[in-house]
PDB file of all heavy atoms in Angstrom:
ATOM      1  N   PRO A   1    -107.379 -69.182 -46.419  1.00  0.00           N
ATOM      2  CA  PRO A   1    -107.027 -69.316 -44.957  1.00  0.00           C
ATOM      3  C   PRO A   1    -108.211 -69.712 -44.161  1.00  0.00           C
ATOM      4  O   PRO A   1    -109.191 -68.977 -44.113  1.00  0.00           O
ATOM      5  CB  PRO A   1    -106.478 -67.987 -44.621  1.00  0.00           C
ATOM      6  CG  PRO A   1    -105.996 -67.349 -45.952  1.00  0.00           C
ATOM      7  CD  PRO A   1    -106.878 -67.914 -46.887  1.00  0.00           C
ATOM      8  N   GLY A   2    -108.017 -70.834 -43.374  1.00  0.00           N
ATOM      9  CA  GLY A   2    -109.056 -71.207 -42.474  1.00  0.00           C
ATOM     10  C   GLY A   2    -110.325 -71.968 -43.200  1.00  0.00           C
ATOM     11  O   GLY A   2    -111.315 -72.226 -42.466  1.00  0.00           O
ATOM     12  N   LYS A   3    -110.067 -72.163 -44.378  1.00  0.00           N
ATOM     13  CA  LYS A   3    -111.351 -72.811 -45.237  1.00  0.00           C
ATOM     14  C   LYS A   3    -110.881 -74.098 -45.778  1.00  0.00           C
ATOM     15  O   LYS A   3    -109.626 -74.373 -46.027  1.00  0.00           O
ATOM     16  CB  LYS A   3    -111.842 -71.804 -46.202  1.00  0.00           C
ATOM     17  CG  LYS A   3    -112.468 -70.564 -45.640  1.00  0.00           C
ATOM     18  CD  LYS A   3    -113.260 -69.732 -46.666  1.00  0.00           C
ATOM     19  CE  LYS A   3    -113.918 -68.529 -46.122  1.00  0.00           C
ATOM     20  NZ  LYS A   3    -114.562 -67.814 -47.075  1.00  0.00           N
ATOM     21  N   GLN A   4    -111.848 -74.898 -46.144  1.00  0.00           N
ATOM     22  CA  GLN A   4    -111.658 -76.026 -46.886  1.00  0.00           C
ATOM     23  C   GLN A   4    -111.265 -75.806 -48.368  1.00  0.00           C
ATOM     24  O   GLN A   4    -111.620 -74.802 -48.918  1.00  0.00           O
ATOM     25  CB  GLN A   4    -112.847 -76.917 -46.891  1.00  0.00           C
ATOM     26  CG  GLN A   4    -113.410 -77.441 -45.630  1.00  0.00           C
ATOM     27  CD  GLN A   4    -112.774 -78.737 -45.089  1.00  0.00           C
ATOM     28  OE1 GLN A   4    -111.774 -79.131 -45.589  1.00  0.00           O
ATOM     29  NE2 GLN A   4    -113.526 -79.392 -44.380  1.00  0.00           N
ATOM     30  N   ARG A   5    -110.486 -76.678 -48.950  1.00  0.00           N
ATOM     31  CA  ARG A   5    -110.213 -76.553 -50.272  1.00  0.00           C
ATOM     32  C   ARG A   5    -111.404 -76.686 -51.109  1.00  0.00           C
ATOM     33  O   ARG A   5    -112.288 -77.530 -50.843  1.00  0.00           O
ATOM     34  CB  ARG A   5    -109.120 -77.645 -50.759  1.00  0.00           C
ATOM     35  CG  ARG A   5    -108.599 -77.485 -52.145  1.00  0.00           C
ATOM     36  CD  ARG A   5    -107.523 -78.531 -52.441  1.00  0.00           C
ATOM     37  NE  ARG A   5    -106.299 -78.254 -51.607  1.00  0.00           N
ATOM     38  CZ  ARG A   5    -105.391 -79.119 -51.430  1.00  0.00           C
ATOM     39  NH1 ARG A   5    -105.442 -80.404 -51.922  1.00  0.00           N
ATOM     40  NH2 ARG A   5    -104.347 -78.787 -50.750  1.00  0.00           N
ATOM     41  N   GLU A   6    -111.576 -75.825 -52.135  1.00  0.00           N
ATOM     42  CA  GLU A   6    -112.813 -75.867 -52.929  1.00  0.00           C
ATOM     43  C   GLU A   6    -112.484 -75.898 -54.490  1.00  0.00           C
ATOM     44  O   GLU A   6    -111.475 -75.515 -54.815  1.00  0.00           O
ATOM     45  CB  GLU A   6    -113.720 -74.702 -52.716  1.00  0.00           C
ATOM     46  CG  GLU A   6    -113.087 -73.264 -53.152  1.00  0.00           C
ATOM     47  CD  GLU A   6    -114.088 -72.171 -52.891  1.00  0.00           C
ATOM     48  OE1 GLU A   6    -115.264 -72.397 -52.751  1.00  0.00           O
ATOM     49  OE2 GLU A   6    -113.543 -70.952 -53.056  1.00  0.00           O
ATOM     50  N   LEU A   7    -113.319 -76.455 -55.211  1.00  0.00           N
ATOM     51  CA  LEU A   7    -113.253 -76.644 -56.681  1.00  0.00           C
ATOM     52  C   LEU A   7    -113.661 -75.381 -57.217  1.00  0.00           C
ATOM     53  O   LEU A   7    -114.775 -74.725 -56.989  1.00  0.00           O
ATOM     54  CB  LEU A   7    -114.123 -77.708 -57.167  1.00  0.00           C
ATOM     55  CG  LEU A   7    -114.175 -78.094 -58.649  1.00  0.00           C
ATOM     56  CD1 LEU A   7    -112.818 -78.467 -59.205  1.00  0.00           C
ATOM     57  CD2 LEU A   7    -115.203 -79.078 -59.075  1.00  0.00           C
ATOM     58  N   VAL A   8    -112.791 -74.805 -58.160  1.00  0.00           N
ATOM     59  CA  VAL A   8    -113.077 -73.436 -58.808  1.00  0.00           C
ATOM     60  C   VAL A   8    -113.537 -73.686 -60.294  1.00  0.00           C
ATOM     61  O   VAL A   8    -114.496 -73.076 -60.689  1.00  0.00           O
ATOM     62  CB  VAL A   8    -111.751 -72.682 -58.843  1.00  0.00           C
ATOM     63  CG1 VAL A   8    -112.007 -71.432 -59.662  1.00  0.00           C
ATOM     64  CG2 VAL A   8    -111.450 -72.314 -57.331  1.00  0.00           C
ATOM     65  N   ALA A   9    -112.809 -74.584 -61.044  1.00  0.00           N
ATOM     66  CA  ALA A   9    -113.174 -74.767 -62.427  1.00  0.00           C
ATOM     67  C   ALA A   9    -112.636 -76.095 -62.861  1.00  0.00           C
ATOM     68  O   ALA A   9    -111.707 -76.653 -62.380  1.00  0.00           O
ATOM     69  CB  ALA A   9    -112.394 -73.725 -63.338  1.00  0.00           C
ATOM     70  N   THR A  10    -113.317 -76.754 -63.827  1.00  0.00           N
ATOM     71  CA  THR A  10    -112.914 -77.936 -64.452  1.00  0.00           C
ATOM     72  C   THR A  10    -112.998 -77.825 -66.008  1.00  0.00           C
ATOM     73  O   THR A  10    -113.703 -76.930 -66.496  1.00  0.00           O
ATOM     74  CB  THR A  10    -113.820 -79.196 -64.053  1.00  0.00           C
ATOM     75  OG1 THR A  10    -115.149 -78.843 -64.515  1.00  0.00           O
ATOM     76  CG2 THR A  10    -113.805 -79.318 -62.457  1.00  0.00           C
ATOM     77  N   ILE A  11    -112.152 -78.727 -66.623  1.00  0.00           N
ATOM     78  CA  ILE A  11    -112.222 -78.809 -68.039  1.00  0.00           C
ATOM     79  C   ILE A  11    -112.019 -80.233 -68.465  1.00  0.00           C
ATOM     80  O   ILE A  11    -111.180 -80.928 -67.917  1.00  0.00           O
ATOM     81  CB  ILE A  11    -111.079 -77.857 -68.637  1.00  0.00           C
ATOM     82  CG1 ILE A  11    -111.279 -77.778 -70.201  1.00  0.00           C
ATOM     83  CG2 ILE A  11    -109.682 -78.208 -68.270  1.00  0.00           C
ATOM     84  CD1 ILE A  11    -110.509 -76.653 -70.915  1.00  0.00           C
ATOM     85  N   THR A  12    -112.832 -80.711 -69.299  1.00  0.00           N
ATOM     86  CA  THR A  12    -112.797 -82.129 -69.760  1.00  0.00           C
ATOM     87  C   THR A  12    -111.676 -82.324 -70.741  1.00  0.00           C
ATOM     88  O   THR A  12    -111.032 -81.266 -71.275  1.00  0.00           O
ATOM     89  CB  THR A  12    -114.116 -82.584 -70.355  1.00  0.00           C
ATOM     90  OG1 THR A  12    -114.261 -81.881 -71.625  1.00  0.00           O
ATOM     91  CG2 THR A  12    -115.276 -82.288 -69.479  1.00  0.00           C
ATOM     92  N   SER A  13    -111.342 -83.536 -71.073  1.00  0.00           N
ATOM     93  CA  SER A  13    -110.375 -83.907 -72.082  1.00  0.00           C
ATOM     94  C   SER A  13    -110.789 -83.227 -73.353  1.00  0.00           C
ATOM     95  O   SER A  13    -109.782 -82.929 -74.286  1.00  0.00           O
ATOM     96  CB  SER A  13    -110.094 -85.360 -72.221  1.00  0.00           C
ATOM     97  OG  SER A  13    -111.381 -85.966 -72.489  1.00  0.00           O
ATOM     98  N   ASP A  14    -112.000 -83.046 -73.673  1.00  0.00           N
ATOM     99  CA  ASP A  14    -112.407 -82.443 -74.894  1.00  0.00           C
ATOM    100  C   ASP A  14    -112.571 -80.918 -74.910  1.00  0.00           C
ATOM    101  O   ASP A  14    -112.936 -80.335 -75.888  1.00  0.00           O
ATOM    102  CB  ASP A  14    -113.892 -83.006 -75.265  1.00  0.00           C
ATOM    103  CG  ASP A  14    -113.855 -84.491 -75.525  1.00  0.00           C
ATOM    104  OD1 ASP A  14    -112.776 -84.929 -75.980  1.00  0.00           O
ATOM    105  OD2 ASP A  14    -114.882 -85.155 -75.356  1.00  0.00           O
ATOM    106  N   GLY A  15    -112.226 -80.403 -73.751  1.00  0.00           N
ATOM    107  CA  GLY A  15    -112.169 -78.943 -73.730  1.00  0.00           C
ATOM    108  C   GLY A  15    -113.532 -78.307 -73.118  1.00  0.00           C
ATOM    109  O   GLY A  15    -113.643 -77.033 -73.231  1.00  0.00           O
ATOM    110  N   LEU A  16    -114.393 -79.083 -72.569  1.00  0.00           N
ATOM    111  CA  LEU A  16    -115.683 -78.538 -72.006  1.00  0.00           C
ATOM    112  C   LEU A  16    -115.428 -78.007 -70.667  1.00  0.00           C
ATOM    113  O   LEU A  16    -114.946 -78.772 -69.866  1.00  0.00           O
ATOM    114  CB  LEU A  16    -116.758 -79.667 -72.030  1.00  0.00           C
ATOM    115  CG  LEU A  16    -118.112 -79.184 -71.543  1.00  0.00           C
ATOM    116  CD1 LEU A  16    -118.684 -78.101 -72.524  1.00  0.00           C
ATOM    117  CD2 LEU A  16    -119.099 -80.471 -71.404  1.00  0.00           C
ATOM    118  N   ALA A  17    -115.721 -76.674 -70.414  1.00  0.00           N
ATOM    119  CA  ALA A  17    -115.403 -76.079 -69.126  1.00  0.00           C
ATOM    120  C   ALA A  17    -116.639 -75.912 -68.311  1.00  0.00           C
ATOM    121  O   ALA A  17    -117.827 -75.791 -68.869  1.00  0.00           O
ATOM    122  CB  ALA A  17    -114.774 -74.748 -69.443  1.00  0.00           C
ATOM    123  N   ASN A  18    -116.370 -75.934 -66.969  1.00  0.00           N
ATOM    124  CA  ASN A  18    -117.390 -75.658 -66.066  1.00  0.00           C
ATOM    125  C   ASN A  18    -116.735 -74.895 -64.847  1.00  0.00           C
ATOM    126  O   ASN A  18    -115.569 -75.076 -64.461  1.00  0.00           O
ATOM    127  CB  ASN A  18    -117.951 -77.042 -65.447  1.00  0.00           C
ATOM    128  CG  ASN A  18    -119.189 -76.782 -64.722  1.00  0.00           C
ATOM    129  OD1 ASN A  18    -119.991 -75.884 -65.066  1.00  0.00           O
ATOM    130  ND2 ASN A  18    -119.424 -77.494 -63.564  1.00  0.00           N
ATOM    131  N   LEU A  19    -117.481 -73.895 -64.505  1.00  0.00           N
ATOM    132  CA  LEU A  19    -116.985 -72.968 -63.416  1.00  0.00           C
ATOM    133  C   LEU A  19    -117.844 -72.878 -62.228  1.00  0.00           C
ATOM    134  O   LEU A  19    -119.076 -72.986 -62.320  1.00  0.00           O
ATOM    135  CB  LEU A  19    -116.823 -71.540 -63.965  1.00  0.00           C
ATOM    136  CG  LEU A  19    -115.836 -71.388 -65.167  1.00  0.00           C
ATOM    137  CD1 LEU A  19    -116.058 -70.158 -65.948  1.00  0.00           C
ATOM    138  CD2 LEU A  19    -114.427 -71.415 -64.697  1.00  0.00           C
ATOM    139  N   ALA A  20    -117.194 -72.622 -61.091  1.00  0.00           N
ATOM    140  CA  ALA A  20    -118.045 -72.427 -59.828  1.00  0.00           C
ATOM    141  C   ALA A  20    -118.783 -71.177 -60.022  1.00  0.00           C
ATOM    142  O   ALA A  20    -118.389 -70.176 -60.715  1.00  0.00           O
ATOM    143  CB  ALA A  20    -117.185 -72.366 -58.620  1.00  0.00           C
ATOM    144  N   ASP A  21    -119.976 -71.107 -59.433  1.00  0.00           N
ATOM    145  CA  ASP A  21    -120.862 -69.899 -59.468  1.00  0.00           C
ATOM    146  C   ASP A  21    -120.181 -68.681 -58.983  1.00  0.00           C
ATOM    147  O   ASP A  21    -120.312 -67.518 -59.626  1.00  0.00           O
ATOM    148  CB  ASP A  21    -122.110 -70.052 -58.654  1.00  0.00           C
ATOM    149  CG  ASP A  21    -123.210 -71.072 -59.408  1.00  0.00           C
ATOM    150  OD1 ASP A  21    -122.972 -71.304 -60.617  1.00  0.00           O
ATOM    151  OD2 ASP A  21    -123.938 -71.498 -58.682  1.00  0.00           O
ATOM    152  N   SER A  22    -119.236 -68.754 -58.050  1.00  0.00           N
ATOM    153  CA  SER A  22    -118.577 -67.570 -57.496  1.00  0.00           C
ATOM    154  C   SER A  22    -117.582 -66.969 -58.517  1.00  0.00           C
ATOM    155  O   SER A  22    -117.145 -65.851 -58.276  1.00  0.00           O
ATOM    156  CB  SER A  22    -117.860 -68.057 -56.166  1.00  0.00           C
ATOM    157  OG  SER A  22    -116.953 -69.034 -56.416  1.00  0.00           O
ATOM    158  N   VAL A  23    -117.228 -67.739 -59.496  1.00  0.00           N
ATOM    159  CA  VAL A  23    -116.146 -67.091 -60.411  1.00  0.00           C
ATOM    160  C   VAL A  23    -116.728 -67.119 -61.793  1.00  0.00           C
ATOM    161  O   VAL A  23    -115.955 -66.589 -62.750  1.00  0.00           O
ATOM    162  CB  VAL A  23    -114.876 -67.941 -60.403  1.00  0.00           C
ATOM    163  CG1 VAL A  23    -114.377 -68.118 -58.994  1.00  0.00           C
ATOM    164  CG2 VAL A  23    -114.955 -69.385 -61.005  1.00  0.00           C
ATOM    165  N   LYS A  24    -117.878 -67.581 -62.045  1.00  0.00           N
ATOM    166  CA  LYS A  24    -118.458 -67.522 -63.418  1.00  0.00           C
ATOM    167  C   LYS A  24    -118.556 -66.153 -63.970  1.00  0.00           C
ATOM    168  O   LYS A  24    -118.882 -65.203 -63.196  1.00  0.00           O
ATOM    169  CB  LYS A  24    -119.856 -68.215 -63.320  1.00  0.00           C
ATOM    170  CG  LYS A  24    -120.347 -69.014 -64.477  1.00  0.00           C
ATOM    171  CD  LYS A  24    -121.614 -69.705 -64.207  1.00  0.00           C
ATOM    172  CE  LYS A  24    -121.220 -71.153 -63.715  1.00  0.00           C
ATOM    173  NZ  LYS A  24    -122.373 -71.972 -63.539  1.00  0.00           N
ATOM    174  N   GLY A  25    -118.101 -65.990 -65.191  1.00  0.00           N
ATOM    175  CA  GLY A  25    -118.108 -64.563 -65.784  1.00  0.00           C
ATOM    176  C   GLY A  25    -116.843 -63.872 -65.530  1.00  0.00           C
ATOM    177  O   GLY A  25    -116.581 -62.826 -66.189  1.00  0.00           O
ATOM    178  N   ARG A  26    -116.037 -64.429 -64.585  1.00  0.00           N
ATOM    179  CA  ARG A  26    -114.732 -63.677 -64.265  1.00  0.00           C
ATOM    180  C   ARG A  26    -113.535 -64.524 -64.739  1.00  0.00           C
ATOM    181  O   ARG A  26    -112.504 -64.017 -65.141  1.00  0.00           O
ATOM    182  CB  ARG A  26    -114.736 -63.333 -62.905  1.00  0.00           C
ATOM    183  CG  ARG A  26    -115.816 -62.334 -62.417  1.00  0.00           C
ATOM    184  CD  ARG A  26    -115.729 -61.926 -61.003  1.00  0.00           C
ATOM    185  NE  ARG A  26    -115.669 -63.021 -59.994  1.00  0.00           N
ATOM    186  CZ  ARG A  26    -114.581 -63.234 -59.161  1.00  0.00           C
ATOM    187  NH1 ARG A  26    -113.497 -62.529 -59.159  1.00  0.00           N
ATOM    188  NH2 ARG A  26    -114.706 -64.296 -58.248  1.00  0.00           N
ATOM    189  N   PHE A  27    -113.607 -65.840 -64.468  1.00  0.00           N
ATOM    190  CA  PHE A  27    -112.567 -66.817 -64.663  1.00  0.00           C
ATOM    191  C   PHE A  27    -112.773 -67.579 -65.937  1.00  0.00           C
ATOM    192  O   PHE A  27    -113.842 -67.904 -66.275  1.00  0.00           O
ATOM    193  CB  PHE A  27    -112.382 -67.699 -63.452  1.00  0.00           C
ATOM    194  CG  PHE A  27    -111.870 -67.111 -62.296  1.00  0.00           C
ATOM    195  CD1 PHE A  27    -111.802 -65.805 -62.037  1.00  0.00           C
ATOM    196  CD2 PHE A  27    -111.534 -67.870 -61.206  1.00  0.00           C
ATOM    197  CE1 PHE A  27    -111.296 -65.172 -60.818  1.00  0.00           C
ATOM    198  CE2 PHE A  27    -111.051 -67.355 -59.951  1.00  0.00           C
ATOM    199  CZ  PHE A  27    -111.005 -66.033 -59.835  1.00  0.00           C
ATOM    200  N   THR A  28    -111.645 -68.018 -66.610  1.00  0.00           N
ATOM    201  CA  THR A  28    -111.757 -68.879 -67.728  1.00  0.00           C
ATOM    202  C   THR A  28    -110.673 -69.914 -67.596  1.00  0.00           C
ATOM    203  O   THR A  28    -109.562 -69.688 -67.233  1.00  0.00           O
ATOM    204  CB  THR A  28    -111.485 -68.125 -69.056  1.00  0.00           C
ATOM    205  OG1 THR A  28    -112.422 -67.048 -69.065  1.00  0.00           O
ATOM    206  CG2 THR A  28    -111.605 -69.099 -70.220  1.00  0.00           C
ATOM    207  N   ILE A  29    -111.098 -71.232 -67.845  1.00  0.00           N
ATOM    208  CA  ILE A  29    -110.101 -72.358 -67.681  1.00  0.00           C
ATOM    209  C   ILE A  29    -109.879 -72.774 -69.176  1.00  0.00           C
ATOM    210  O   ILE A  29    -110.766 -72.807 -69.989  1.00  0.00           O
ATOM    211  CB  ILE A  29    -110.653 -73.567 -66.814  1.00  0.00           C
ATOM    212  CG1 ILE A  29    -109.533 -74.569 -66.709  1.00  0.00           C
ATOM    213  CG2 ILE A  29    -111.977 -74.050 -67.363  1.00  0.00           C
ATOM    214  CD1 ILE A  29    -109.983 -75.584 -65.661  1.00  0.00           C
ATOM    215  N   SER A  30    -108.666 -73.132 -69.453  1.00  0.00           N
ATOM    216  CA  SER A  30    -108.316 -73.693 -70.735  1.00  0.00           C
ATOM    217  C   SER A  30    -107.151 -74.691 -70.603  1.00  0.00           C
ATOM    218  O   SER A  30    -106.474 -74.746 -69.533  1.00  0.00           O
ATOM    219  CB  SER A  30    -107.913 -72.631 -71.735  1.00  0.00           C
ATOM    220  OG  SER A  30    -106.715 -71.805 -71.257  1.00  0.00           O
ATOM    221  N   ARG A  31    -106.817 -75.499 -71.700  1.00  0.00           N
ATOM    222  CA  ARG A  31    -105.840 -76.367 -71.678  1.00  0.00           C
ATOM    223  C   ARG A  31    -104.981 -76.444 -72.954  1.00  0.00           C
ATOM    224  O   ARG A  31    -105.658 -76.169 -73.990  1.00  0.00           O
ATOM    225  CB  ARG A  31    -106.335 -77.797 -71.282  1.00  0.00           C
ATOM    226  CG  ARG A  31    -107.320 -78.386 -72.275  1.00  0.00           C
ATOM    227  CD  ARG A  31    -107.945 -79.562 -71.616  1.00  0.00           C
ATOM    228  NE  ARG A  31    -107.034 -80.642 -71.435  1.00  0.00           N
ATOM    229  CZ  ARG A  31    -107.240 -81.654 -70.538  1.00  0.00           C
ATOM    230  NH1 ARG A  31    -108.463 -81.709 -69.985  1.00  0.00           N
ATOM    231  NH2 ARG A  31    -106.243 -82.702 -70.456  1.00  0.00           N
ATOM    232  N   ASP A  32    -103.771 -76.776 -72.955  1.00  0.00           N
ATOM    233  CA  ASP A  32    -103.012 -76.942 -74.145  1.00  0.00           C
ATOM    234  C   ASP A  32    -102.312 -78.343 -74.020  1.00  0.00           C
ATOM    235  O   ASP A  32    -101.436 -78.580 -73.283  1.00  0.00           O
ATOM    236  CB  ASP A  32    -101.868 -75.876 -74.110  1.00  0.00           C
ATOM    237  CG  ASP A  32    -100.949 -75.885 -75.454  1.00  0.00           C
ATOM    238  OD1 ASP A  32    -100.933 -76.911 -76.003  1.00  0.00           O
ATOM    239  OD2 ASP A  32    -100.392 -74.817 -75.750  1.00  0.00           O
TER     240      ASP A  32
END
């Protein structure tokens, strides 16, 4: 609320993940 949309996590087509510092170690992104 009241903030800009921000990027949290990405995953490439090959499954390489990257996480924002604020969620690193707590969030995991995956794809099927």
